[in-house]
N, C-alpha and C. Protein backbone atom coordinates (compact mmCIF):
# COMPACT_ATOMS: atom_id res chain seq x y z
N MET A 1 5.18 -6.65 -17.71
CA MET A 1 5.95 -5.74 -16.90
C MET A 1 7.44 -5.99 -17.05
N SER A 2 7.83 -7.31 -17.11
CA SER A 2 9.25 -7.61 -17.28
C SER A 2 9.44 -9.01 -17.82
N VAL A 3 10.59 -9.22 -18.44
CA VAL A 3 10.99 -10.53 -18.96
C VAL A 3 12.40 -10.80 -18.44
N ASP A 4 12.60 -11.99 -17.90
CA ASP A 4 13.93 -12.38 -17.41
C ASP A 4 14.35 -13.63 -18.17
N ASP A 5 15.22 -13.45 -19.16
CA ASP A 5 15.63 -14.56 -20.01
C ASP A 5 16.42 -15.60 -19.21
N ALA A 6 17.25 -15.16 -18.26
CA ALA A 6 18.06 -16.09 -17.47
C ALA A 6 17.17 -16.97 -16.59
N ALA A 7 16.18 -16.38 -15.97
CA ALA A 7 15.26 -17.14 -15.10
C ALA A 7 14.11 -17.76 -15.89
N LYS A 8 14.00 -17.40 -17.16
CA LYS A 8 12.92 -17.90 -18.04
C LYS A 8 11.54 -17.56 -17.47
N THR A 9 11.37 -16.26 -17.11
CA THR A 9 10.10 -15.81 -16.57
C THR A 9 9.59 -14.58 -17.30
N VAL A 10 8.28 -14.46 -17.30
CA VAL A 10 7.59 -13.28 -17.82
C VAL A 10 6.68 -12.80 -16.71
N LYS A 11 6.76 -11.52 -16.35
CA LYS A 11 5.93 -10.97 -15.30
C LYS A 11 4.95 -9.99 -15.93
N VAL A 12 3.64 -10.21 -15.68
CA VAL A 12 2.60 -9.34 -16.26
C VAL A 12 1.73 -8.79 -15.13
N LYS A 13 1.09 -7.68 -15.41
CA LYS A 13 0.14 -7.09 -14.47
C LYS A 13 -1.23 -7.64 -14.80
N PHE A 14 -1.93 -8.11 -13.75
CA PHE A 14 -3.24 -8.72 -13.94
C PHE A 14 -4.25 -7.97 -13.08
N GLY A 15 -5.24 -7.40 -13.69
CA GLY A 15 -6.22 -6.59 -12.97
C GLY A 15 -7.33 -7.36 -12.32
N GLY A 16 -7.34 -8.68 -12.45
CA GLY A 16 -8.38 -9.48 -11.84
C GLY A 16 -9.47 -9.84 -12.84
N ALA A 17 -10.30 -10.79 -12.47
CA ALA A 17 -11.37 -11.26 -13.34
C ALA A 17 -12.39 -12.00 -12.49
N ASN A 18 -13.53 -12.28 -13.08
CA ASN A 18 -14.52 -13.11 -12.40
C ASN A 18 -13.93 -14.48 -12.14
N SER A 19 -14.43 -15.17 -11.12
CA SER A 19 -13.91 -16.49 -10.79
C SER A 19 -14.05 -17.42 -11.97
N GLY A 20 -13.05 -18.25 -12.15
CA GLY A 20 -13.08 -19.22 -13.23
C GLY A 20 -11.68 -19.67 -13.61
N LEU A 21 -11.61 -20.52 -14.62
CA LEU A 21 -10.36 -21.03 -15.14
C LEU A 21 -10.06 -20.32 -16.44
N TYR A 22 -8.89 -19.75 -16.54
CA TYR A 22 -8.49 -18.99 -17.73
C TYR A 22 -7.24 -19.61 -18.34
N TYR A 23 -7.20 -19.65 -19.67
CA TYR A 23 -6.03 -20.13 -20.39
C TYR A 23 -5.29 -18.93 -20.96
N ILE A 24 -4.01 -18.94 -20.78
CA ILE A 24 -3.17 -17.81 -21.17
C ILE A 24 -2.51 -18.12 -22.50
N GLN A 25 -2.49 -17.13 -23.36
CA GLN A 25 -1.76 -17.24 -24.62
C GLN A 25 -0.56 -16.32 -24.53
N LEU A 26 0.61 -16.87 -24.76
CA LEU A 26 1.84 -16.11 -24.70
C LEU A 26 2.48 -16.13 -26.07
N SER A 27 2.79 -14.96 -26.58
CA SER A 27 3.39 -14.86 -27.92
C SER A 27 4.71 -14.13 -27.85
N SER A 28 5.62 -14.55 -28.68
CA SER A 28 6.92 -13.91 -28.82
C SER A 28 6.92 -13.16 -30.14
N THR A 29 7.48 -11.96 -30.14
CA THR A 29 7.53 -11.20 -31.40
C THR A 29 8.42 -11.90 -32.41
N GLN A 30 9.38 -12.66 -31.93
CA GLN A 30 10.31 -13.34 -32.85
C GLN A 30 9.83 -14.73 -33.25
N TYR A 31 9.22 -15.48 -32.30
CA TYR A 31 8.88 -16.88 -32.57
C TYR A 31 7.39 -17.17 -32.67
N GLY A 32 6.55 -16.20 -32.44
CA GLY A 32 5.11 -16.40 -32.51
C GLY A 32 4.55 -16.97 -31.22
N ARG A 33 3.37 -17.61 -31.34
CA ARG A 33 2.68 -18.11 -30.14
C ARG A 33 3.44 -19.28 -29.52
N ILE A 34 3.48 -19.28 -28.18
CA ILE A 34 4.14 -20.34 -27.42
C ILE A 34 3.05 -21.27 -26.91
N THR A 35 3.34 -22.55 -26.81
CA THR A 35 2.33 -23.52 -26.38
C THR A 35 1.64 -23.07 -25.09
N LYS A 36 0.37 -23.38 -24.98
CA LYS A 36 -0.37 -22.99 -23.78
C LYS A 36 -0.44 -24.11 -22.75
N THR A 37 0.28 -25.20 -22.97
CA THR A 37 0.34 -26.27 -21.99
C THR A 37 0.87 -25.70 -20.67
N ASN A 38 0.20 -26.01 -19.58
CA ASN A 38 0.55 -25.52 -18.25
C ASN A 38 0.38 -24.01 -18.10
N LEU A 39 -0.31 -23.37 -19.02
CA LEU A 39 -0.55 -21.93 -18.90
C LEU A 39 -2.02 -21.67 -18.61
N SER A 40 -2.45 -22.13 -17.45
CA SER A 40 -3.82 -21.85 -17.02
C SER A 40 -3.75 -21.12 -15.69
N LEU A 41 -4.76 -20.32 -15.43
CA LEU A 41 -4.83 -19.52 -14.22
C LEU A 41 -6.22 -19.69 -13.61
N THR A 42 -6.25 -20.12 -12.37
CA THR A 42 -7.52 -20.23 -11.65
C THR A 42 -7.71 -18.99 -10.81
N VAL A 43 -8.81 -18.30 -11.04
CA VAL A 43 -9.13 -17.08 -10.30
C VAL A 43 -10.33 -17.39 -9.42
N GLY A 44 -10.26 -16.98 -8.17
CA GLY A 44 -11.39 -17.20 -7.28
C GLY A 44 -11.01 -17.00 -5.85
N SER A 45 -12.00 -17.14 -5.00
CA SER A 45 -11.83 -16.97 -3.57
C SER A 45 -12.64 -18.04 -2.88
N SER A 46 -12.22 -18.42 -1.68
CA SER A 46 -12.99 -19.43 -0.96
C SER A 46 -12.91 -19.19 0.54
N ILE A 47 -13.92 -19.72 1.23
CA ILE A 47 -13.98 -19.70 2.69
C ILE A 47 -13.56 -21.08 3.16
N THR A 48 -12.60 -21.15 4.09
CA THR A 48 -12.16 -22.46 4.60
C THR A 48 -12.67 -22.73 6.01
N SER A 49 -12.92 -21.67 6.81
CA SER A 49 -13.47 -21.90 8.15
C SER A 49 -14.13 -20.64 8.69
N ILE A 50 -15.01 -20.86 9.67
CA ILE A 50 -15.72 -19.78 10.34
C ILE A 50 -15.69 -20.08 11.84
N THR A 51 -15.32 -19.07 12.63
CA THR A 51 -15.36 -19.23 14.09
C THR A 51 -15.90 -17.95 14.71
N PRO A 52 -16.75 -18.03 15.69
CA PRO A 52 -17.45 -19.23 16.15
C PRO A 52 -18.53 -19.62 15.14
N THR A 53 -19.13 -20.76 15.35
CA THR A 53 -20.19 -21.21 14.44
C THR A 53 -21.58 -20.98 15.04
N MET A 54 -21.63 -20.29 16.18
CA MET A 54 -22.92 -19.93 16.75
C MET A 54 -22.78 -18.64 17.54
N GLY A 55 -23.89 -17.92 17.66
CA GLY A 55 -23.89 -16.67 18.41
C GLY A 55 -25.30 -16.20 18.69
N SER A 56 -25.40 -15.09 19.38
CA SER A 56 -26.68 -14.58 19.86
C SER A 56 -27.65 -14.27 18.73
N MET A 57 -28.90 -14.62 18.95
CA MET A 57 -29.94 -14.30 17.98
C MET A 57 -30.24 -12.81 17.97
N PHE A 58 -29.62 -12.05 18.87
CA PHE A 58 -29.79 -10.60 18.90
C PHE A 58 -28.65 -9.86 18.19
N GLY A 59 -27.71 -10.61 17.60
CA GLY A 59 -26.57 -10.00 16.92
C GLY A 59 -25.43 -9.76 17.87
N GLY A 60 -24.39 -9.08 17.39
CA GLY A 60 -23.25 -8.71 18.22
C GLY A 60 -22.10 -9.68 18.23
N THR A 61 -22.25 -10.87 17.66
CA THR A 61 -21.18 -11.86 17.69
C THR A 61 -20.03 -11.43 16.78
N LEU A 62 -18.80 -11.56 17.28
CA LEU A 62 -17.61 -11.30 16.48
C LEU A 62 -17.25 -12.59 15.75
N VAL A 63 -17.24 -12.55 14.42
CA VAL A 63 -17.01 -13.72 13.60
C VAL A 63 -15.69 -13.57 12.86
N THR A 64 -14.89 -14.64 12.84
CA THR A 64 -13.65 -14.67 12.07
C THR A 64 -13.84 -15.65 10.92
N ILE A 65 -13.59 -15.17 9.71
CA ILE A 65 -13.73 -15.98 8.51
C ILE A 65 -12.34 -16.14 7.90
N THR A 66 -11.92 -17.39 7.73
CA THR A 66 -10.62 -17.68 7.15
C THR A 66 -10.83 -18.22 5.74
N GLY A 67 -9.95 -17.85 4.83
CA GLY A 67 -10.08 -18.30 3.45
C GLY A 67 -8.91 -17.84 2.61
N ILE A 68 -9.15 -17.79 1.32
CA ILE A 68 -8.10 -17.35 0.40
C ILE A 68 -8.63 -16.30 -0.55
N ASN A 69 -7.75 -15.40 -0.91
CA ASN A 69 -7.99 -14.40 -1.95
C ASN A 69 -9.05 -13.36 -1.57
N PHE A 70 -9.07 -12.97 -0.29
CA PHE A 70 -9.91 -11.85 0.12
C PHE A 70 -9.16 -10.56 -0.16
N SER A 71 -9.87 -9.47 -0.19
CA SER A 71 -9.25 -8.16 -0.37
C SER A 71 -8.70 -7.66 0.97
N THR A 72 -7.66 -6.84 0.91
CA THR A 72 -7.15 -6.22 2.13
C THR A 72 -7.94 -4.96 2.48
N ASP A 73 -8.83 -4.54 1.59
CA ASP A 73 -9.69 -3.38 1.84
C ASP A 73 -10.99 -3.88 2.47
N PRO A 74 -11.29 -3.50 3.71
CA PRO A 74 -12.50 -3.98 4.39
C PRO A 74 -13.79 -3.67 3.64
N LEU A 75 -13.78 -2.71 2.73
CA LEU A 75 -15.00 -2.37 1.99
C LEU A 75 -15.22 -3.26 0.77
N ASP A 76 -14.23 -4.04 0.37
CA ASP A 76 -14.34 -4.87 -0.83
C ASP A 76 -15.07 -6.19 -0.63
N ASN A 77 -15.16 -6.68 0.59
CA ASN A 77 -15.74 -8.00 0.84
C ASN A 77 -16.86 -7.93 1.88
N PRO A 78 -18.06 -7.44 1.50
CA PRO A 78 -19.17 -7.44 2.45
C PRO A 78 -19.51 -8.87 2.89
N VAL A 79 -20.02 -9.00 4.11
CA VAL A 79 -20.33 -10.32 4.67
C VAL A 79 -21.78 -10.32 5.16
N LYS A 80 -22.48 -11.44 4.91
CA LYS A 80 -23.82 -11.65 5.47
C LYS A 80 -23.83 -13.00 6.17
N VAL A 81 -24.51 -13.05 7.31
CA VAL A 81 -24.72 -14.29 8.04
C VAL A 81 -26.22 -14.52 8.02
N GLY A 82 -26.64 -15.41 7.14
CA GLY A 82 -28.07 -15.56 6.91
C GLY A 82 -28.60 -14.26 6.35
N PRO A 83 -29.70 -13.73 6.92
CA PRO A 83 -30.28 -12.49 6.40
C PRO A 83 -29.63 -11.22 6.95
N ASN A 84 -28.65 -11.36 7.83
CA ASN A 84 -28.09 -10.22 8.55
C ASN A 84 -26.68 -9.87 8.09
N TYR A 85 -26.41 -8.58 8.02
CA TYR A 85 -25.06 -8.14 7.66
C TYR A 85 -24.13 -8.32 8.84
N CYS A 86 -22.87 -8.52 8.52
CA CYS A 86 -21.80 -8.63 9.50
C CYS A 86 -20.81 -7.54 9.13
N LEU A 87 -20.68 -6.51 9.97
CA LEU A 87 -19.85 -5.36 9.66
C LEU A 87 -18.38 -5.74 9.72
N VAL A 88 -17.69 -5.60 8.59
CA VAL A 88 -16.29 -5.99 8.49
C VAL A 88 -15.42 -5.01 9.28
N LEU A 89 -14.64 -5.57 10.21
CA LEU A 89 -13.75 -4.77 11.04
C LEU A 89 -12.33 -4.79 10.49
N THR A 90 -11.85 -6.00 10.11
CA THR A 90 -10.52 -6.14 9.53
C THR A 90 -10.60 -7.09 8.34
N SER A 91 -9.66 -6.90 7.41
CA SER A 91 -9.64 -7.75 6.23
C SER A 91 -8.21 -7.90 5.74
N SER A 92 -7.81 -9.15 5.52
CA SER A 92 -6.51 -9.44 4.93
C SER A 92 -6.75 -10.44 3.80
N ALA A 93 -5.71 -10.85 3.13
CA ALA A 93 -5.86 -11.80 2.02
C ALA A 93 -6.42 -13.14 2.48
N THR A 94 -6.23 -13.48 3.77
CA THR A 94 -6.65 -14.80 4.27
C THR A 94 -7.64 -14.77 5.42
N GLN A 95 -8.01 -13.58 5.93
CA GLN A 95 -8.90 -13.54 7.08
C GLN A 95 -9.73 -12.26 7.13
N ILE A 96 -11.00 -12.43 7.48
CA ILE A 96 -11.92 -11.31 7.69
C ILE A 96 -12.50 -11.45 9.09
N THR A 97 -12.54 -10.34 9.84
CA THR A 97 -13.28 -10.33 11.11
C THR A 97 -14.43 -9.36 10.95
N CYS A 98 -15.58 -9.76 11.46
CA CYS A 98 -16.76 -8.91 11.36
C CYS A 98 -17.65 -9.13 12.57
N ARG A 99 -18.50 -8.14 12.84
CA ARG A 99 -19.44 -8.24 13.96
C ARG A 99 -20.85 -8.19 13.38
N ILE A 100 -21.66 -9.21 13.73
CA ILE A 100 -23.03 -9.27 13.24
C ILE A 100 -23.79 -8.08 13.81
N VAL A 101 -24.48 -7.35 12.94
CA VAL A 101 -25.20 -6.15 13.38
C VAL A 101 -26.31 -6.52 14.35
N GLU A 102 -26.74 -5.51 15.11
CA GLU A 102 -27.87 -5.72 16.01
C GLU A 102 -29.07 -6.09 15.16
N ILE A 103 -29.76 -7.12 15.57
CA ILE A 103 -30.87 -7.64 14.80
C ILE A 103 -32.17 -7.09 15.38
N THR A 104 -32.93 -6.36 14.55
CA THR A 104 -34.18 -5.77 15.04
C THR A 104 -35.25 -6.83 15.26
N THR A 105 -35.28 -7.84 14.39
CA THR A 105 -36.18 -8.97 14.58
C THR A 105 -35.31 -10.17 14.86
N PRO A 106 -35.27 -10.67 16.11
CA PRO A 106 -34.37 -11.78 16.44
C PRO A 106 -34.58 -12.98 15.53
N VAL A 107 -33.46 -13.58 15.15
CA VAL A 107 -33.47 -14.76 14.30
C VAL A 107 -33.25 -15.96 15.20
N ALA A 108 -34.21 -16.86 15.23
CA ALA A 108 -34.07 -18.08 16.02
C ALA A 108 -34.05 -19.27 15.07
N ALA A 109 -33.13 -19.21 14.13
CA ALA A 109 -33.05 -20.28 13.14
C ALA A 109 -31.63 -20.84 13.13
N THR A 110 -31.52 -22.10 12.83
CA THR A 110 -30.21 -22.71 12.76
C THR A 110 -29.76 -22.82 11.32
N ALA A 111 -28.51 -23.12 11.15
CA ALA A 111 -27.91 -23.39 9.84
C ALA A 111 -28.09 -22.25 8.85
N GLN A 112 -27.68 -21.05 9.25
CA GLN A 112 -27.68 -19.90 8.35
C GLN A 112 -26.37 -19.89 7.56
N ASN A 113 -26.44 -19.72 6.26
CA ASN A 113 -25.24 -19.67 5.44
C ASN A 113 -24.48 -18.37 5.69
N VAL A 114 -23.15 -18.46 5.65
CA VAL A 114 -22.28 -17.30 5.74
C VAL A 114 -21.78 -17.00 4.34
N PHE A 115 -21.92 -15.75 3.91
CA PHE A 115 -21.52 -15.34 2.57
C PHE A 115 -20.47 -14.24 2.65
N VAL A 116 -19.40 -14.39 1.88
CA VAL A 116 -18.43 -13.32 1.67
C VAL A 116 -18.58 -12.94 0.21
N PHE A 117 -18.94 -11.68 -0.02
CA PHE A 117 -19.12 -11.21 -1.39
C PHE A 117 -17.81 -10.60 -1.86
N LEU A 118 -17.44 -10.91 -3.09
CA LEU A 118 -16.21 -10.38 -3.65
C LEU A 118 -16.50 -9.08 -4.37
N LYS A 119 -15.48 -8.30 -4.60
CA LYS A 119 -15.64 -7.01 -5.26
C LYS A 119 -16.28 -7.18 -6.65
N THR A 120 -16.11 -8.35 -7.24
CA THR A 120 -16.67 -8.61 -8.57
C THR A 120 -18.13 -9.04 -8.50
N SER A 121 -18.78 -8.85 -7.35
CA SER A 121 -20.19 -9.19 -7.12
C SER A 121 -20.45 -10.68 -7.09
N GLU A 122 -19.44 -11.45 -6.87
CA GLU A 122 -19.59 -12.90 -6.72
C GLU A 122 -19.53 -13.24 -5.23
N GLU A 123 -19.73 -14.51 -4.93
CA GLU A 123 -19.56 -15.00 -3.57
C GLU A 123 -18.33 -15.89 -3.53
N ALA A 124 -17.60 -15.83 -2.41
CA ALA A 124 -16.49 -16.76 -2.20
C ALA A 124 -17.08 -18.15 -2.01
N LYS A 125 -16.49 -19.13 -2.64
CA LYS A 125 -16.98 -20.49 -2.50
C LYS A 125 -16.59 -21.04 -1.13
N CYS A 126 -17.42 -21.89 -0.59
CA CYS A 126 -17.18 -22.49 0.71
C CYS A 126 -16.58 -23.88 0.50
N THR A 127 -15.38 -24.13 1.07
CA THR A 127 -14.75 -25.43 0.90
C THR A 127 -15.14 -26.41 2.01
N ASN A 128 -15.66 -25.91 3.12
CA ASN A 128 -16.11 -26.75 4.23
C ASN A 128 -17.54 -26.33 4.57
N THR A 129 -17.96 -26.56 5.79
CA THR A 129 -19.28 -26.13 6.22
C THR A 129 -19.23 -24.65 6.56
N CYS A 130 -20.07 -23.86 5.93
CA CYS A 130 -20.12 -22.42 6.17
C CYS A 130 -21.47 -22.06 6.78
N LEU A 131 -21.77 -22.68 7.90
CA LEU A 131 -23.06 -22.47 8.55
C LEU A 131 -22.86 -21.84 9.92
N PHE A 132 -23.81 -21.00 10.30
CA PHE A 132 -23.79 -20.30 11.59
C PHE A 132 -25.16 -20.48 12.21
N ASP A 133 -25.19 -20.82 13.50
CA ASP A 133 -26.44 -21.00 14.21
C ASP A 133 -26.70 -19.81 15.12
N TYR A 134 -27.87 -19.19 14.99
CA TYR A 134 -28.30 -18.15 15.92
C TYR A 134 -28.97 -18.86 17.09
N VAL A 135 -28.52 -18.55 18.30
CA VAL A 135 -29.04 -19.22 19.50
C VAL A 135 -29.50 -18.20 20.52
N THR A 136 -30.35 -18.63 21.44
CA THR A 136 -30.76 -17.78 22.55
C THR A 136 -29.56 -17.64 23.48
N PRO A 137 -29.19 -16.41 23.85
CA PRO A 137 -28.02 -16.23 24.70
C PRO A 137 -28.16 -16.93 26.05
N MET A 138 -27.04 -17.45 26.55
CA MET A 138 -27.03 -18.11 27.86
C MET A 138 -27.06 -17.07 28.98
N ALA A 139 -26.48 -15.90 28.72
CA ALA A 139 -26.43 -14.85 29.74
C ALA A 139 -27.76 -14.11 29.80
N THR A 140 -28.07 -13.61 30.99
CA THR A 140 -29.26 -12.78 31.16
C THR A 140 -28.88 -11.54 31.96
N THR A 141 -29.57 -10.47 31.72
CA THR A 141 -29.35 -9.26 32.50
C THR A 141 -30.55 -9.03 33.40
N THR A 142 -30.27 -8.54 34.63
CA THR A 142 -31.36 -8.27 35.57
C THR A 142 -31.41 -6.80 35.95
N GLY A 143 -30.37 -6.04 35.60
CA GLY A 143 -30.41 -4.63 35.94
C GLY A 143 -29.17 -3.89 35.46
N ILE A 144 -29.29 -2.56 35.47
CA ILE A 144 -28.18 -1.69 35.11
C ILE A 144 -28.25 -0.46 36.02
N ALA A 145 -27.09 -0.02 36.47
CA ALA A 145 -27.04 1.16 37.34
C ALA A 145 -25.82 1.98 36.97
N ALA A 146 -25.96 3.29 37.05
CA ALA A 146 -24.84 4.19 36.78
C ALA A 146 -24.60 5.04 38.02
N ALA A 147 -23.32 5.23 38.35
CA ALA A 147 -22.97 6.04 39.52
C ALA A 147 -21.67 6.78 39.22
N PHE A 148 -21.58 8.01 39.71
CA PHE A 148 -20.36 8.80 39.51
C PHE A 148 -19.33 8.38 40.55
N ASP A 149 -18.10 8.07 40.08
CA ASP A 149 -17.00 7.68 40.95
C ASP A 149 -16.09 8.89 41.14
N THR A 150 -16.06 9.44 42.36
CA THR A 150 -15.27 10.66 42.60
C THR A 150 -13.78 10.39 42.52
N ALA A 151 -13.33 9.19 42.82
CA ALA A 151 -11.89 8.88 42.78
C ALA A 151 -11.35 8.95 41.35
N SER A 152 -12.09 8.38 40.40
CA SER A 152 -11.63 8.38 39.00
C SER A 152 -12.25 9.49 38.17
N GLN A 153 -13.21 10.21 38.77
CA GLN A 153 -13.93 11.28 38.07
C GLN A 153 -14.61 10.77 36.79
N THR A 154 -15.18 9.57 36.90
CA THR A 154 -15.90 8.98 35.77
C THR A 154 -17.22 8.42 36.23
N THR A 155 -18.12 8.25 35.30
CA THR A 155 -19.37 7.55 35.59
C THR A 155 -19.12 6.07 35.35
N GLN A 156 -19.44 5.25 36.31
CA GLN A 156 -19.25 3.81 36.18
C GLN A 156 -20.60 3.14 36.07
N ILE A 157 -20.70 2.23 35.13
CA ILE A 157 -21.94 1.50 34.87
C ILE A 157 -21.78 0.09 35.38
N THR A 158 -22.77 -0.38 36.11
CA THR A 158 -22.78 -1.76 36.60
C THR A 158 -23.96 -2.47 35.96
N VAL A 159 -23.67 -3.56 35.25
CA VAL A 159 -24.70 -4.39 34.66
C VAL A 159 -24.76 -5.67 35.47
N SER A 160 -25.96 -6.02 35.96
CA SER A 160 -26.13 -7.22 36.79
C SER A 160 -26.84 -8.28 35.97
N GLY A 161 -26.56 -9.53 36.30
CA GLY A 161 -27.21 -10.64 35.61
C GLY A 161 -26.51 -11.93 35.93
N SER A 162 -26.55 -12.86 35.00
CA SER A 162 -25.87 -14.13 35.20
C SER A 162 -25.39 -14.67 33.87
N GLY A 163 -24.37 -15.52 33.94
CA GLY A 163 -23.87 -16.21 32.76
C GLY A 163 -22.97 -15.38 31.87
N PHE A 164 -22.45 -14.25 32.36
CA PHE A 164 -21.54 -13.45 31.55
C PHE A 164 -20.24 -14.24 31.38
N ASP A 165 -19.69 -14.22 30.16
CA ASP A 165 -18.44 -14.93 29.94
C ASP A 165 -17.31 -13.93 29.76
N SER A 166 -16.12 -14.44 29.73
CA SER A 166 -14.96 -13.58 29.58
C SER A 166 -14.20 -14.03 28.34
N PRO A 167 -13.76 -13.18 27.50
CA PRO A 167 -13.87 -11.72 27.62
C PRO A 167 -15.23 -11.24 27.14
N ALA A 168 -15.78 -10.30 27.83
CA ALA A 168 -17.06 -9.69 27.46
C ALA A 168 -16.78 -8.27 26.98
N GLU A 169 -17.74 -7.67 26.32
CA GLU A 169 -17.61 -6.30 25.85
C GLU A 169 -18.85 -5.53 26.24
N LEU A 170 -18.68 -4.27 26.57
CA LEU A 170 -19.80 -3.37 26.79
C LEU A 170 -19.61 -2.22 25.82
N VAL A 171 -20.60 -2.01 24.98
CA VAL A 171 -20.53 -0.95 23.97
C VAL A 171 -21.65 0.03 24.28
N LEU A 172 -21.31 1.30 24.37
CA LEU A 172 -22.26 2.36 24.67
C LEU A 172 -22.27 3.33 23.50
N ASP A 173 -23.41 3.42 22.80
CA ASP A 173 -23.53 4.25 21.60
C ASP A 173 -22.40 4.02 20.61
N GLY A 174 -22.07 2.75 20.40
CA GLY A 174 -21.06 2.38 19.41
C GLY A 174 -19.62 2.48 19.89
N VAL A 175 -19.40 2.88 21.15
CA VAL A 175 -18.04 3.02 21.68
C VAL A 175 -17.79 1.92 22.71
N LYS A 176 -16.74 1.12 22.47
CA LYS A 176 -16.38 0.06 23.39
C LYS A 176 -15.86 0.68 24.69
N GLN A 177 -16.39 0.22 25.82
CA GLN A 177 -16.03 0.75 27.13
C GLN A 177 -14.92 -0.08 27.77
N THR A 178 -14.17 0.54 28.66
CA THR A 178 -13.10 -0.13 29.39
C THR A 178 -13.65 -0.70 30.68
N PHE A 179 -13.33 -1.99 30.94
CA PHE A 179 -13.80 -2.63 32.15
C PHE A 179 -12.97 -2.21 33.35
N VAL A 180 -13.65 -1.95 34.48
CA VAL A 180 -13.00 -1.71 35.76
C VAL A 180 -12.85 -3.08 36.44
N SER A 181 -13.91 -3.88 36.38
CA SER A 181 -13.89 -5.25 36.90
C SER A 181 -15.02 -6.03 36.25
N ALA A 182 -14.92 -7.35 36.31
CA ALA A 182 -15.96 -8.18 35.72
C ALA A 182 -16.00 -9.53 36.43
N THR A 183 -17.22 -10.05 36.60
CA THR A 183 -17.43 -11.39 37.13
C THR A 183 -18.49 -12.03 36.24
N ASP A 184 -18.84 -13.28 36.54
CA ASP A 184 -19.86 -13.96 35.73
C ASP A 184 -21.26 -13.46 36.06
N THR A 185 -21.40 -12.57 37.08
CA THR A 185 -22.71 -12.02 37.42
C THR A 185 -22.72 -10.50 37.28
């Protein structure tokens, strides 16, 4: 793309490649091939951390994956947590957030591997522990009731139970609802 003789740099466009170590050959039209010492390029992606490392065996956990060389396009890096997909919500070069899909058959297994697939059909390498435990939720529900609120002209839903934590989310047909109030019950 450009050569800067004063700065002694050459800038090239690189379309990407499968993960690996590549040696670059640089040639000058006037002087021929230039030594390839220190002209290597490591291509790849890795996962450095996952938070949280456990969540409901029924799905729904919001997972943050930190690493290097992810795509900024949420469609380029599909994620799986064990046998279940994790729907990518946001993606940057260093972080992916995803929500584990609702699981039709609950998984009650520990130490499920977390995989980030790269656009090149590879997996990002894990530099630390990339394990996620599916656990039985601590919270329980005992009932749900809906009532029309004339003051706000909205239908308000009350879910009863125990062990709800904050911040909690209520999603109705895929739409996140706004809380009026919340307690641990």
